[in-house]
N, C-alpha and C. Protein backbone atom coordinates (compact mmCIF):
# COMPACT_ATOMS: atom_id res chain seq x y z
N MET A 1 44.17 -13.83 10.68
CA MET A 1 45.46 -13.91 11.34
C MET A 1 45.35 -13.37 12.77
N LYS A 2 46.35 -13.71 13.56
CA LYS A 2 46.39 -13.16 14.91
C LYS A 2 47.83 -12.78 15.24
N LYS A 3 48.00 -11.98 16.26
CA LYS A 3 49.32 -11.54 16.66
C LYS A 3 50.21 -12.75 16.96
N GLY A 4 51.42 -12.72 16.40
CA GLY A 4 52.35 -13.82 16.61
C GLY A 4 52.39 -14.82 15.47
N ASP A 5 51.40 -14.75 14.55
CA ASP A 5 51.44 -15.62 13.38
C ASP A 5 52.59 -15.21 12.47
N VAL A 6 53.20 -16.20 11.82
CA VAL A 6 54.29 -15.93 10.88
C VAL A 6 53.75 -16.16 9.47
N VAL A 7 53.87 -15.14 8.64
CA VAL A 7 53.34 -15.23 7.28
C VAL A 7 54.34 -14.66 6.28
N TYR A 8 54.20 -15.10 5.04
CA TYR A 8 54.95 -14.50 3.93
C TYR A 8 54.00 -13.62 3.15
N ILE A 9 54.45 -12.39 2.83
CA ILE A 9 53.58 -11.46 2.12
C ILE A 9 54.25 -10.95 0.85
N ASP A 10 53.42 -10.70 -0.16
CA ASP A 10 53.82 -9.95 -1.35
C ASP A 10 53.10 -8.62 -1.30
N TYR A 11 53.75 -7.57 -1.79
CA TYR A 11 53.08 -6.27 -1.77
C TYR A 11 53.67 -5.32 -2.81
N VAL A 12 52.87 -4.33 -3.15
CA VAL A 12 53.32 -3.18 -3.92
C VAL A 12 52.88 -1.95 -3.14
N GLY A 13 53.85 -1.11 -2.76
CA GLY A 13 53.53 0.09 -1.99
C GLY A 13 53.66 1.33 -2.85
N ARG A 14 52.62 2.15 -2.86
CA ARG A 14 52.61 3.38 -3.66
C ARG A 14 52.30 4.60 -2.79
N ILE A 15 52.76 5.76 -3.22
CA ILE A 15 52.38 7.03 -2.60
C ILE A 15 51.05 7.44 -3.22
N LYS A 16 50.04 7.66 -2.40
CA LYS A 16 48.68 7.90 -2.91
C LYS A 16 48.62 9.09 -3.87
N ASP A 17 49.24 10.20 -3.51
CA ASP A 17 49.11 11.43 -4.30
C ASP A 17 49.71 11.31 -5.69
N THR A 18 50.78 10.54 -5.84
CA THR A 18 51.50 10.48 -7.11
C THR A 18 51.41 9.11 -7.79
N ASN A 19 50.94 8.10 -7.05
CA ASN A 19 50.88 6.71 -7.54
C ASN A 19 52.28 6.12 -7.76
N GLU A 20 53.29 6.81 -7.25
CA GLU A 20 54.67 6.33 -7.39
C GLU A 20 54.92 5.12 -6.49
N ILE A 21 55.55 4.09 -7.05
CA ILE A 21 55.92 2.92 -6.27
C ILE A 21 57.19 3.22 -5.48
N PHE A 22 57.14 3.00 -4.17
CA PHE A 22 58.33 3.21 -3.35
C PHE A 22 58.92 1.90 -2.84
N ASP A 23 58.14 0.82 -2.93
CA ASP A 23 58.66 -0.48 -2.48
C ASP A 23 57.75 -1.58 -3.04
N LEU A 24 58.37 -2.74 -3.37
CA LEU A 24 57.58 -3.86 -3.85
C LEU A 24 58.40 -5.14 -3.78
N THR A 25 57.72 -6.26 -3.85
CA THR A 25 58.38 -7.56 -3.75
C THR A 25 58.21 -8.40 -5.01
N ILE A 26 57.54 -7.87 -6.02
CA ILE A 26 57.17 -8.66 -7.20
C ILE A 26 57.99 -8.24 -8.42
N GLU A 27 58.81 -9.15 -8.90
CA GLU A 27 59.73 -8.86 -10.01
C GLU A 27 59.00 -8.44 -11.28
N GLU A 28 57.92 -9.13 -11.61
CA GLU A 28 57.18 -8.85 -12.84
C GLU A 28 56.69 -7.41 -12.88
N ILE A 29 56.18 -6.92 -11.75
CA ILE A 29 55.68 -5.55 -11.69
C ILE A 29 56.83 -4.55 -11.75
N ALA A 30 57.94 -4.88 -11.11
CA ALA A 30 59.11 -4.00 -11.15
C ALA A 30 59.58 -3.79 -12.59
N LYS A 31 59.62 -4.87 -13.36
CA LYS A 31 60.03 -4.77 -14.76
C LYS A 31 59.01 -3.99 -15.58
N LYS A 32 57.72 -4.25 -15.34
CA LYS A 32 56.67 -3.57 -16.08
C LYS A 32 56.68 -2.07 -15.83
N GLU A 33 57.00 -1.67 -14.58
CA GLU A 33 56.99 -0.26 -14.20
C GLU A 33 58.33 0.43 -14.49
N GLY A 34 59.31 -0.33 -14.98
CA GLY A 34 60.61 0.26 -15.32
C GLY A 34 61.45 0.60 -14.12
N ILE A 35 61.24 -0.11 -12.99
CA ILE A 35 62.02 0.17 -11.78
C ILE A 35 62.76 -1.07 -11.30
N TYR A 36 62.95 -2.03 -12.20
CA TYR A 36 63.62 -3.28 -11.84
C TYR A 36 65.06 -3.04 -11.43
N ASN A 37 65.46 -3.66 -10.31
CA ASN A 37 66.83 -3.57 -9.81
C ASN A 37 67.45 -4.97 -9.83
N PRO A 38 68.41 -5.23 -10.71
CA PRO A 38 68.99 -6.58 -10.81
C PRO A 38 69.74 -7.02 -9.56
N ASN A 39 70.06 -6.07 -8.69
CA ASN A 39 70.79 -6.40 -7.45
C ASN A 39 69.85 -6.75 -6.30
N TYR A 40 68.56 -6.66 -6.54
CA TYR A 40 67.58 -6.95 -5.50
C TYR A 40 66.88 -8.27 -5.80
N THR A 41 66.66 -9.07 -4.76
CA THR A 41 65.95 -10.34 -4.92
C THR A 41 64.47 -10.13 -4.63
N TYR A 42 63.66 -10.26 -5.66
CA TYR A 42 62.22 -10.06 -5.50
C TYR A 42 61.57 -11.38 -5.07
N LYS A 43 60.97 -11.37 -3.91
CA LYS A 43 60.29 -12.56 -3.39
C LYS A 43 59.44 -12.16 -2.19
N PRO A 44 58.46 -13.00 -1.82
CA PRO A 44 57.65 -12.70 -0.63
C PRO A 44 58.55 -12.58 0.61
N ILE A 45 58.19 -11.65 1.49
CA ILE A 45 59.00 -11.47 2.70
C ILE A 45 58.26 -12.03 3.92
N PRO A 46 59.01 -12.57 4.87
CA PRO A 46 58.39 -13.11 6.09
C PRO A 46 58.20 -12.01 7.12
N ILE A 47 57.08 -12.04 7.82
CA ILE A 47 56.85 -11.12 8.94
C ILE A 47 56.16 -11.87 10.07
N VAL A 48 56.27 -11.32 11.27
CA VAL A 48 55.50 -11.80 12.40
C VAL A 48 54.38 -10.79 12.64
N VAL A 49 53.16 -11.22 12.52
CA VAL A 49 52.01 -10.32 12.63
C VAL A 49 51.96 -9.66 14.01
N GLY A 50 51.80 -8.34 14.00
CA GLY A 50 51.66 -7.61 15.26
C GLY A 50 52.95 -7.33 15.99
N PHE A 51 54.10 -7.64 15.37
CA PHE A 51 55.39 -7.44 16.02
C PHE A 51 56.17 -6.27 15.43
N GLY A 52 55.53 -5.45 14.62
CA GLY A 52 56.19 -4.27 14.07
C GLY A 52 57.16 -4.55 12.94
N PHE A 53 57.01 -5.67 12.27
CA PHE A 53 57.87 -5.96 11.12
C PHE A 53 57.54 -5.05 9.94
N VAL A 54 56.30 -4.55 9.92
CA VAL A 54 55.86 -3.59 8.91
C VAL A 54 55.21 -2.42 9.64
N ILE A 55 54.88 -1.36 8.91
CA ILE A 55 54.29 -0.18 9.54
C ILE A 55 52.96 -0.53 10.20
N LYS A 56 52.59 0.27 11.19
CA LYS A 56 51.44 -0.03 12.05
C LYS A 56 50.15 -0.26 11.26
N GLY A 57 49.84 0.65 10.33
CA GLY A 57 48.59 0.54 9.59
C GLY A 57 48.50 -0.73 8.76
N LEU A 58 49.62 -1.14 8.21
CA LEU A 58 49.66 -2.38 7.42
C LEU A 58 49.56 -3.59 8.33
N ASP A 59 50.25 -3.53 9.45
CA ASP A 59 50.21 -4.61 10.44
C ASP A 59 48.78 -4.88 10.90
N GLU A 60 48.05 -3.81 11.17
CA GLU A 60 46.66 -3.94 11.64
C GLU A 60 45.77 -4.59 10.59
N GLU A 61 45.99 -4.25 9.32
CA GLU A 61 45.16 -4.82 8.25
C GLU A 61 45.50 -6.28 8.00
N ILE A 62 46.77 -6.63 8.09
CA ILE A 62 47.18 -8.02 7.89
C ILE A 62 46.51 -8.92 8.93
N GLU A 63 46.36 -8.40 10.14
CA GLU A 63 45.74 -9.19 11.21
C GLU A 63 44.27 -9.52 10.89
N LYS A 64 43.65 -8.76 9.99
CA LYS A 64 42.26 -8.99 9.62
C LYS A 64 42.13 -9.93 8.41
N MET A 65 43.27 -10.32 7.82
CA MET A 65 43.25 -11.08 6.58
C MET A 65 43.43 -12.58 6.81
N ASN A 66 43.19 -13.34 5.76
CA ASN A 66 43.36 -14.79 5.79
C ASN A 66 44.45 -15.21 4.79
N GLU A 67 44.95 -16.41 4.96
CA GLU A 67 45.95 -16.94 4.04
C GLU A 67 45.39 -16.96 2.62
N GLY A 68 46.19 -16.45 1.66
CA GLY A 68 45.77 -16.41 0.27
C GLY A 68 44.97 -15.19 -0.11
N GLU A 69 44.56 -14.39 0.87
CA GLU A 69 43.74 -13.20 0.60
C GLU A 69 44.61 -12.06 0.08
N GLU A 70 44.03 -11.28 -0.83
CA GLU A 70 44.70 -10.11 -1.39
C GLU A 70 43.77 -8.92 -1.26
N LYS A 71 44.32 -7.75 -0.89
CA LYS A 71 43.48 -6.57 -0.73
C LYS A 71 44.30 -5.31 -0.92
N ILE A 72 43.60 -4.21 -1.12
CA ILE A 72 44.23 -2.89 -1.22
C ILE A 72 44.01 -2.16 0.10
N VAL A 73 45.08 -1.66 0.66
CA VAL A 73 45.03 -1.01 1.99
C VAL A 73 45.56 0.41 1.88
N GLU A 74 44.79 1.36 2.39
CA GLU A 74 45.24 2.75 2.44
C GLU A 74 45.69 3.08 3.87
N VAL A 75 46.91 3.60 3.99
CA VAL A 75 47.49 3.85 5.30
C VAL A 75 47.79 5.34 5.47
N PRO A 76 47.15 6.02 6.42
CA PRO A 76 47.41 7.45 6.65
C PRO A 76 48.77 7.66 7.30
N PRO A 77 49.32 8.86 7.22
CA PRO A 77 50.66 9.14 7.75
C PRO A 77 50.86 8.72 9.21
N GLU A 78 49.83 8.96 10.05
CA GLU A 78 50.00 8.66 11.47
C GLU A 78 50.14 7.16 11.74
N LYS A 79 49.77 6.32 10.78
CA LYS A 79 49.96 4.89 10.93
C LYS A 79 51.01 4.35 9.95
N ALA A 80 51.74 5.28 9.34
CA ALA A 80 52.80 4.90 8.41
C ALA A 80 54.13 5.44 8.94
N PHE A 81 54.62 6.51 8.33
CA PHE A 81 55.92 7.04 8.74
C PHE A 81 55.80 8.38 9.47
N GLY A 82 54.59 8.66 9.95
CA GLY A 82 54.38 9.85 10.76
C GLY A 82 54.13 11.10 9.94
N LYS A 83 53.67 12.13 10.62
CA LYS A 83 53.46 13.42 9.98
C LYS A 83 54.79 14.16 9.87
N ARG A 84 54.86 15.08 8.93
CA ARG A 84 56.08 15.89 8.79
C ARG A 84 56.23 16.80 10.00
N ASP A 85 57.47 16.93 10.46
CA ASP A 85 57.79 17.80 11.58
C ASP A 85 58.80 18.84 11.10
N GLU A 86 58.33 20.10 11.01
CA GLU A 86 59.21 21.16 10.50
C GLU A 86 60.40 21.42 11.42
N ASN A 87 60.30 20.97 12.66
CA ASN A 87 61.44 21.13 13.57
C ASN A 87 62.60 20.22 13.18
N LEU A 88 62.33 19.26 12.29
CA LEU A 88 63.39 18.37 11.84
C LEU A 88 64.08 18.88 10.57
N VAL A 89 63.71 20.08 10.14
CA VAL A 89 64.40 20.73 9.03
C VAL A 89 65.41 21.70 9.64
N LYS A 90 66.70 21.40 9.46
CA LYS A 90 67.76 22.13 10.14
C LYS A 90 68.65 22.89 9.15
N THR A 91 69.24 23.98 9.64
CA THR A 91 70.16 24.78 8.83
C THR A 91 71.57 24.67 9.41
N PHE A 92 72.55 24.43 8.53
CA PHE A 92 73.94 24.27 8.93
C PHE A 92 74.84 25.21 8.13
N ASN A 93 76.04 25.44 8.66
CA ASN A 93 77.04 26.21 7.93
C ASN A 93 77.72 25.30 6.91
N LEU A 94 77.77 25.76 5.66
CA LEU A 94 78.41 24.97 4.61
C LEU A 94 79.89 24.74 4.91
N SER A 95 80.51 25.70 5.56
CA SER A 95 81.94 25.59 5.87
C SER A 95 82.26 24.39 6.76
N ASP A 96 81.31 24.01 7.62
CA ASP A 96 81.53 22.85 8.51
C ASP A 96 81.68 21.56 7.70
N PHE A 97 80.95 21.46 6.61
CA PHE A 97 81.04 20.27 5.76
C PHE A 97 82.32 20.30 4.93
N LYS A 98 82.70 21.50 4.48
CA LYS A 98 83.93 21.62 3.68
C LYS A 98 85.15 21.25 4.51
N LYS A 99 85.13 21.61 5.79
CA LYS A 99 86.26 21.26 6.67
C LYS A 99 86.44 19.75 6.78
N GLN A 100 85.32 19.03 6.70
CA GLN A 100 85.37 17.57 6.80
C GLN A 100 85.44 16.90 5.42
N ASP A 101 85.61 17.74 4.39
CA ASP A 101 85.71 17.26 3.01
C ASP A 101 84.48 16.45 2.61
N VAL A 102 83.30 16.93 3.03
CA VAL A 102 82.03 16.29 2.69
C VAL A 102 81.38 17.08 1.55
N GLU A 103 81.15 16.39 0.43
CA GLU A 103 80.53 17.04 -0.71
C GLU A 103 79.01 16.88 -0.64
N LEU A 104 78.30 17.99 -0.76
CA LEU A 104 76.84 17.98 -0.67
C LEU A 104 76.22 18.33 -2.01
N LYS A 105 75.08 17.67 -2.29
CA LYS A 105 74.32 17.99 -3.50
C LYS A 105 72.84 18.03 -3.13
N VAL A 106 72.15 19.01 -3.67
CA VAL A 106 70.72 19.16 -3.41
C VAL A 106 69.98 17.90 -3.90
N GLY A 107 69.12 17.38 -3.03
CA GLY A 107 68.35 16.19 -3.38
C GLY A 107 68.98 14.89 -2.90
N GLU A 108 70.26 14.94 -2.50
CA GLU A 108 70.92 13.74 -2.02
C GLU A 108 70.88 13.69 -0.50
N PHE A 109 71.21 12.52 0.05
CA PHE A 109 71.15 12.32 1.50
C PHE A 109 72.56 12.40 2.10
N VAL A 110 72.61 12.90 3.33
CA VAL A 110 73.87 13.00 4.06
C VAL A 110 73.67 12.42 5.45
N ASN A 111 74.70 11.78 5.97
CA ASN A 111 74.64 11.18 7.30
C ASN A 111 75.30 12.12 8.31
N ILE A 112 74.51 12.56 9.28
CA ILE A 112 75.02 13.44 10.33
C ILE A 112 74.76 12.79 11.68
N ASN A 113 75.84 12.39 12.34
CA ASN A 113 75.73 11.72 13.64
C ASN A 113 74.81 10.50 13.59
N GLY A 114 74.91 9.76 12.49
CA GLY A 114 74.14 8.54 12.37
C GLY A 114 72.71 8.72 11.90
N ILE A 115 72.32 9.96 11.58
CA ILE A 115 70.96 10.24 11.12
C ILE A 115 71.00 10.74 9.68
N LEU A 116 70.19 10.14 8.82
CA LEU A 116 70.16 10.54 7.42
C LEU A 116 69.23 11.73 7.22
N GLY A 117 69.69 12.68 6.44
CA GLY A 117 68.87 13.83 6.10
C GLY A 117 69.02 14.16 4.63
N LYS A 118 67.98 14.74 4.06
CA LYS A 118 67.98 15.10 2.64
C LYS A 118 68.35 16.58 2.49
N VAL A 119 69.31 16.86 1.63
CA VAL A 119 69.75 18.23 1.39
C VAL A 119 68.69 18.95 0.55
N LEU A 120 68.06 19.98 1.13
CA LEU A 120 67.01 20.71 0.43
C LEU A 120 67.55 21.89 -0.36
N SER A 121 68.56 22.57 0.21
CA SER A 121 69.11 23.73 -0.49
C SER A 121 70.51 24.04 0.01
N ILE A 122 71.30 24.66 -0.88
CA ILE A 122 72.64 25.14 -0.54
C ILE A 122 72.74 26.56 -1.10
N SER A 123 72.82 27.54 -0.20
CA SER A 123 72.82 28.93 -0.65
C SER A 123 73.39 29.84 0.43
N GLY A 124 74.18 30.82 0.01
CA GLY A 124 74.69 31.83 0.92
C GLY A 124 75.48 31.25 2.08
N GLY A 125 76.21 30.18 1.84
CA GLY A 125 77.00 29.57 2.89
C GLY A 125 76.19 28.77 3.88
N ARG A 126 74.93 28.53 3.57
CA ARG A 126 74.05 27.76 4.45
C ARG A 126 73.54 26.51 3.72
N VAL A 127 73.32 25.47 4.52
CA VAL A 127 72.78 24.22 3.99
C VAL A 127 71.52 23.87 4.78
N VAL A 128 70.42 23.64 4.09
CA VAL A 128 69.18 23.24 4.74
C VAL A 128 68.98 21.75 4.52
N ILE A 129 68.84 21.02 5.63
CA ILE A 129 68.73 19.57 5.57
C ILE A 129 67.46 19.12 6.28
N ASP A 130 66.72 18.22 5.63
CA ASP A 130 65.45 17.70 6.16
C ASP A 130 65.68 16.30 6.73
N PHE A 131 65.46 16.15 8.04
CA PHE A 131 65.67 14.87 8.71
C PHE A 131 64.37 14.07 8.88
N ASN A 132 63.29 14.54 8.29
CA ASN A 132 62.07 13.75 8.28
C ASN A 132 62.28 12.51 7.42
N HIS A 133 61.55 11.43 7.74
CA HIS A 133 61.57 10.27 6.86
C HIS A 133 61.06 10.69 5.50
N PRO A 134 61.65 10.18 4.40
CA PRO A 134 61.20 10.59 3.06
C PRO A 134 59.71 10.38 2.81
N LEU A 135 59.08 9.46 3.54
CA LEU A 135 57.65 9.20 3.35
C LEU A 135 56.80 9.82 4.46
N ALA A 136 57.41 10.64 5.30
CA ALA A 136 56.64 11.32 6.36
C ALA A 136 55.60 12.23 5.72
N GLY A 137 54.40 12.21 6.28
CA GLY A 137 53.33 13.06 5.78
C GLY A 137 52.61 12.50 4.57
N LYS A 138 53.01 11.31 4.11
CA LYS A 138 52.42 10.72 2.92
C LYS A 138 51.38 9.66 3.29
N THR A 139 50.25 9.67 2.59
CA THR A 139 49.30 8.57 2.67
C THR A 139 49.75 7.50 1.68
N LEU A 140 49.85 6.27 2.15
CA LEU A 140 50.38 5.18 1.33
C LEU A 140 49.28 4.20 0.97
N VAL A 141 49.43 3.58 -0.18
CA VAL A 141 48.47 2.58 -0.64
C VAL A 141 49.23 1.30 -0.96
N TYR A 142 48.82 0.23 -0.31
CA TYR A 142 49.47 -1.07 -0.51
C TYR A 142 48.50 -2.04 -1.18
N ASN A 143 48.99 -2.72 -2.20
CA ASN A 143 48.30 -3.91 -2.69
C ASN A 143 49.04 -5.09 -2.07
N ILE A 144 48.39 -5.79 -1.15
CA ILE A 144 49.08 -6.79 -0.34
C ILE A 144 48.39 -8.14 -0.43
N LYS A 145 49.19 -9.19 -0.40
CA LYS A 145 48.66 -10.56 -0.42
C LYS A 145 49.39 -11.40 0.61
N ILE A 146 48.64 -12.17 1.39
CA ILE A 146 49.26 -13.13 2.30
C ILE A 146 49.48 -14.42 1.49
N VAL A 147 50.72 -14.64 1.12
CA VAL A 147 51.06 -15.76 0.24
C VAL A 147 50.99 -17.08 0.99
N LYS A 148 51.49 -17.07 2.23
CA LYS A 148 51.56 -18.34 2.98
C LYS A 148 51.62 -18.07 4.47
N LYS A 149 50.94 -18.90 5.23
CA LYS A 149 51.07 -18.88 6.69
C LYS A 149 51.97 -20.04 7.10
N VAL A 150 52.94 -19.76 7.95
CA VAL A 150 53.91 -20.77 8.38
C VAL A 150 53.38 -21.48 9.62
N GLU A 151 53.32 -22.78 9.59
CA GLU A 151 52.77 -23.57 10.69
C GLU A 151 53.86 -24.26 11.52
N ASN A 152 54.88 -24.80 10.86
CA ASN A 152 55.93 -25.55 11.54
C ASN A 152 56.82 -24.63 12.38
N GLU A 153 57.12 -25.06 13.61
CA GLU A 153 57.88 -24.20 14.52
C GLU A 153 59.27 -23.88 13.98
N LEU A 154 59.99 -24.87 13.48
CA LEU A 154 61.34 -24.61 12.97
C LEU A 154 61.30 -23.71 11.74
N ASP A 155 60.27 -23.85 10.92
CA ASP A 155 60.12 -22.97 9.76
C ASP A 155 59.83 -21.54 10.19
N LYS A 156 59.12 -21.39 11.31
CA LYS A 156 58.89 -20.04 11.85
C LYS A 156 60.21 -19.38 12.24
N VAL A 157 61.07 -20.15 12.88
CA VAL A 157 62.39 -19.63 13.28
C VAL A 157 63.19 -19.25 12.04
N ARG A 158 63.16 -20.10 11.03
CA ARG A 158 63.89 -19.82 9.79
C ARG A 158 63.35 -18.55 9.12
N ALA A 159 62.04 -18.36 9.18
CA ALA A 159 61.43 -17.17 8.59
C ALA A 159 61.89 -15.90 9.30
N VAL A 160 61.94 -15.95 10.62
CA VAL A 160 62.41 -14.78 11.39
C VAL A 160 63.87 -14.49 11.06
N LEU A 161 64.68 -15.53 10.97
CA LEU A 161 66.08 -15.35 10.59
C LEU A 161 66.18 -14.71 9.20
N GLU A 162 65.35 -15.18 8.29
CA GLU A 162 65.37 -14.67 6.92
C GLU A 162 65.09 -13.17 6.89
N PHE A 163 64.23 -12.71 7.77
CA PHE A 163 63.90 -11.29 7.82
C PHE A 163 65.10 -10.45 8.28
N PHE A 164 65.86 -10.98 9.22
CA PHE A 164 66.91 -10.19 9.86
C PHE A 164 68.30 -10.35 9.25
N VAL A 165 68.57 -11.42 8.54
CA VAL A 165 69.92 -11.64 8.02
C VAL A 165 69.89 -11.73 6.49
N LYS A 166 71.04 -11.45 5.87
CA LYS A 166 71.11 -11.45 4.41
C LYS A 166 71.13 -12.86 3.84
N LYS A 167 71.89 -13.75 4.47
CA LYS A 167 72.05 -15.10 3.93
C LYS A 167 71.56 -16.12 4.95
N VAL A 168 70.29 -16.46 4.85
CA VAL A 168 69.72 -17.41 5.81
C VAL A 168 70.34 -18.79 5.63
N GLU A 169 70.94 -19.05 4.46
CA GLU A 169 71.58 -20.36 4.23
C GLU A 169 72.82 -20.55 5.11
N ASN A 170 73.30 -19.47 5.72
CA ASN A 170 74.46 -19.58 6.62
C ASN A 170 74.05 -20.02 8.03
N PHE A 171 72.77 -20.34 8.20
CA PHE A 171 72.28 -20.73 9.51
C PHE A 171 71.59 -22.10 9.43
N GLU A 172 71.73 -22.84 10.50
CA GLU A 172 71.04 -24.11 10.64
C GLU A 172 70.15 -24.03 11.87
N VAL A 173 68.92 -24.47 11.74
CA VAL A 173 67.97 -24.43 12.86
C VAL A 173 67.56 -25.85 13.19
N LYS A 174 67.69 -26.19 14.47
CA LYS A 174 67.29 -27.54 14.89
C LYS A 174 66.73 -27.50 16.30
N GLU A 175 66.11 -28.61 16.67
CA GLU A 175 65.42 -28.68 17.96
C GLU A 175 66.18 -29.60 18.91
N ASP A 176 66.34 -29.15 20.14
CA ASP A 176 66.94 -29.97 21.19
C ASP A 176 65.79 -30.50 22.06
N LEU A 177 65.38 -31.72 21.80
CA LEU A 177 64.21 -32.28 22.49
C LEU A 177 64.45 -32.48 23.98
N ASP A 178 65.70 -32.73 24.36
CA ASP A 178 66.00 -32.98 25.78
C ASP A 178 65.80 -31.75 26.64
N SER A 179 66.14 -30.57 26.08
CA SER A 179 66.05 -29.35 26.88
C SER A 179 64.92 -28.42 26.42
N ASP A 180 64.12 -28.89 25.45
CA ASP A 180 63.01 -28.09 24.93
C ASP A 180 63.52 -26.74 24.42
N ALA A 181 64.65 -26.77 23.74
CA ALA A 181 65.26 -25.54 23.24
C ALA A 181 65.36 -25.57 21.72
N ILE A 182 65.45 -24.41 21.13
CA ILE A 182 65.74 -24.26 19.72
C ILE A 182 67.22 -23.88 19.58
N ILE A 183 67.92 -24.56 18.70
CA ILE A 183 69.34 -24.29 18.50
C ILE A 183 69.52 -23.61 17.14
N ILE A 184 70.18 -22.48 17.15
CA ILE A 184 70.50 -21.76 15.91
C ILE A 184 72.02 -21.80 15.72
N VAL A 185 72.44 -22.47 14.68
CA VAL A 185 73.87 -22.59 14.38
C VAL A 185 74.25 -21.51 13.38
N ASP A 186 75.14 -20.62 13.79
CA ASP A 186 75.60 -19.52 12.94
C ASP A 186 76.92 -19.95 12.30
N LYS A 187 76.85 -20.43 11.07
CA LYS A 187 78.04 -20.98 10.40
C LYS A 187 79.10 -19.93 10.09
N GLU A 188 78.64 -18.70 9.90
CA GLU A 188 79.59 -17.63 9.56
C GLU A 188 79.85 -16.68 10.73
N LYS A 189 79.27 -16.97 11.87
CA LYS A 189 79.44 -16.15 13.08
C LYS A 189 79.10 -14.68 12.79
N ASN A 190 77.92 -14.48 12.20
CA ASN A 190 77.50 -13.15 11.77
C ASN A 190 76.69 -12.38 12.81
N LEU A 191 76.11 -13.08 13.76
CA LEU A 191 75.17 -12.43 14.67
C LEU A 191 75.88 -11.70 15.81
N ALA A 192 75.55 -10.43 15.97
CA ALA A 192 76.05 -9.64 17.08
C ALA A 192 75.18 -9.92 18.31
N PRO A 193 75.69 -9.65 19.52
CA PRO A 193 74.92 -9.91 20.75
C PRO A 193 73.54 -9.27 20.75
N GLU A 194 73.43 -8.03 20.26
CA GLU A 194 72.13 -7.37 20.26
C GLU A 194 71.16 -8.04 19.29
N GLN A 195 71.69 -8.60 18.19
CA GLN A 195 70.84 -9.33 17.25
C GLN A 195 70.32 -10.62 17.89
N LYS A 196 71.19 -11.29 18.62
CA LYS A 196 70.77 -12.52 19.30
C LYS A 196 69.68 -12.24 20.32
N LYS A 197 69.80 -11.13 21.01
CA LYS A 197 68.79 -10.78 22.01
C LYS A 197 67.45 -10.50 21.33
N THR A 198 67.49 -9.77 20.21
CA THR A 198 66.26 -9.48 19.46
C THR A 198 65.61 -10.76 18.97
N LEU A 199 66.41 -11.64 18.40
CA LEU A 199 65.89 -12.91 17.88
C LEU A 199 65.28 -13.75 19.00
N PHE A 200 65.97 -13.79 20.14
CA PHE A 200 65.43 -14.55 21.27
C PHE A 200 64.08 -14.01 21.71
N ASN A 201 63.97 -12.69 21.83
CA ASN A 201 62.72 -12.08 22.29
C ASN A 201 61.55 -12.41 21.37
N ILE A 202 61.81 -12.47 20.06
CA ILE A 202 60.74 -12.78 19.10
C ILE A 202 60.45 -14.27 19.10
N ILE A 203 61.50 -15.08 18.94
CA ILE A 203 61.32 -16.53 18.80
C ILE A 203 60.68 -17.14 20.04
N SER A 204 61.11 -16.70 21.22
CA SER A 204 60.57 -17.27 22.45
C SER A 204 59.08 -17.00 22.61
N LYS A 205 58.61 -15.93 21.98
CA LYS A 205 57.18 -15.59 22.07
C LYS A 205 56.35 -16.33 21.03
N ILE A 206 56.85 -16.44 19.80
CA ILE A 206 56.01 -17.00 18.75
C ILE A 206 55.94 -18.53 18.81
N ILE A 207 56.95 -19.18 19.45
CA ILE A 207 56.87 -20.65 19.56
C ILE A 207 56.88 -21.10 21.03
N ASN A 208 56.82 -20.12 21.93
CA ASN A 208 56.68 -20.41 23.37
C ASN A 208 57.80 -21.32 23.89
N ARG A 209 59.02 -20.95 23.59
CA ARG A 209 60.18 -21.67 24.13
C ARG A 209 60.94 -20.75 25.09
N LYS A 210 61.42 -21.33 26.18
CA LYS A 210 62.15 -20.54 27.16
C LYS A 210 63.62 -20.40 26.81
N ARG A 211 64.11 -21.27 25.94
CA ARG A 211 65.54 -21.25 25.62
C ARG A 211 65.77 -21.25 24.11
N VAL A 212 66.65 -20.36 23.68
CA VAL A 212 67.15 -20.35 22.31
C VAL A 212 68.67 -20.37 22.42
N ILE A 213 69.29 -21.40 21.87
CA ILE A 213 70.73 -21.57 21.98
C ILE A 213 71.39 -21.16 20.67
N PHE A 214 72.34 -20.24 20.76
CA PHE A 214 73.09 -19.81 19.58
C PHE A 214 74.46 -20.47 19.61
N MET A 215 74.80 -21.12 18.51
CA MET A 215 76.08 -21.82 18.42
C MET A 215 76.88 -21.30 17.21
N ASP A 216 78.17 -21.08 17.43
CA ASP A 216 79.08 -20.72 16.33
C ASP A 216 79.91 -21.93 15.97
N ILE A 217 80.28 -22.03 14.71
CA ILE A 217 81.12 -23.12 14.26
C ILE A 217 82.53 -22.59 13.98
N PHE A 218 83.51 -23.24 14.58
CA PHE A 218 84.92 -22.92 14.32
C PHE A 218 85.60 -24.13 13.69
N GLU A 219 86.26 -23.91 12.59
CA GLU A 219 86.93 -25.00 11.89
C GLU A 219 88.41 -24.70 11.72
N LYS A 220 89.20 -25.75 11.78
CA LYS A 220 90.65 -25.59 11.62
C LYS A 220 90.99 -25.42 10.15
């Protein structure tokens, strides 16, 4: 593979020290391991190689692989979710949360100014919260397979959309041959301006188009 290729991948991600699965795309394994979630759709996910769709260490290994290849990859913290930073463990007054009617429980996550943190302890009117990523400091092991490489330009656009939106069926992708542009029709008008900018930046690079046209549909 090379940077900019669009591929679909299947994977099982485990924490090396405990062998605990933290993420996977394969329904059969989820059921076998007793972690099946009926609200989750298990299927290969699309990524653009080298564009940060997955963690750095995994991205680098995918670039070395071929279509249909399967391998086990070990990713150290510095190429995964980073090393633990004790400066991100903060202490707060419990009374501040009570004033806002926020109920805290040890082991659960709380949102503070848009940042999620895990409650480590509640004692003596103090709350200790860890804002490190839950997988920070962990070496991860992935069993990964490149299921398919996408060749068609419009299918590449559809794959990128699939990664970023919940219901790709709400979008239509077509080509404007007169203007050498890709047209994305948003049937539900779901895309925010910043999402459109992100999509343009990716799509224009992977299929070398200068124009991506976003269209909304309005019906009486």
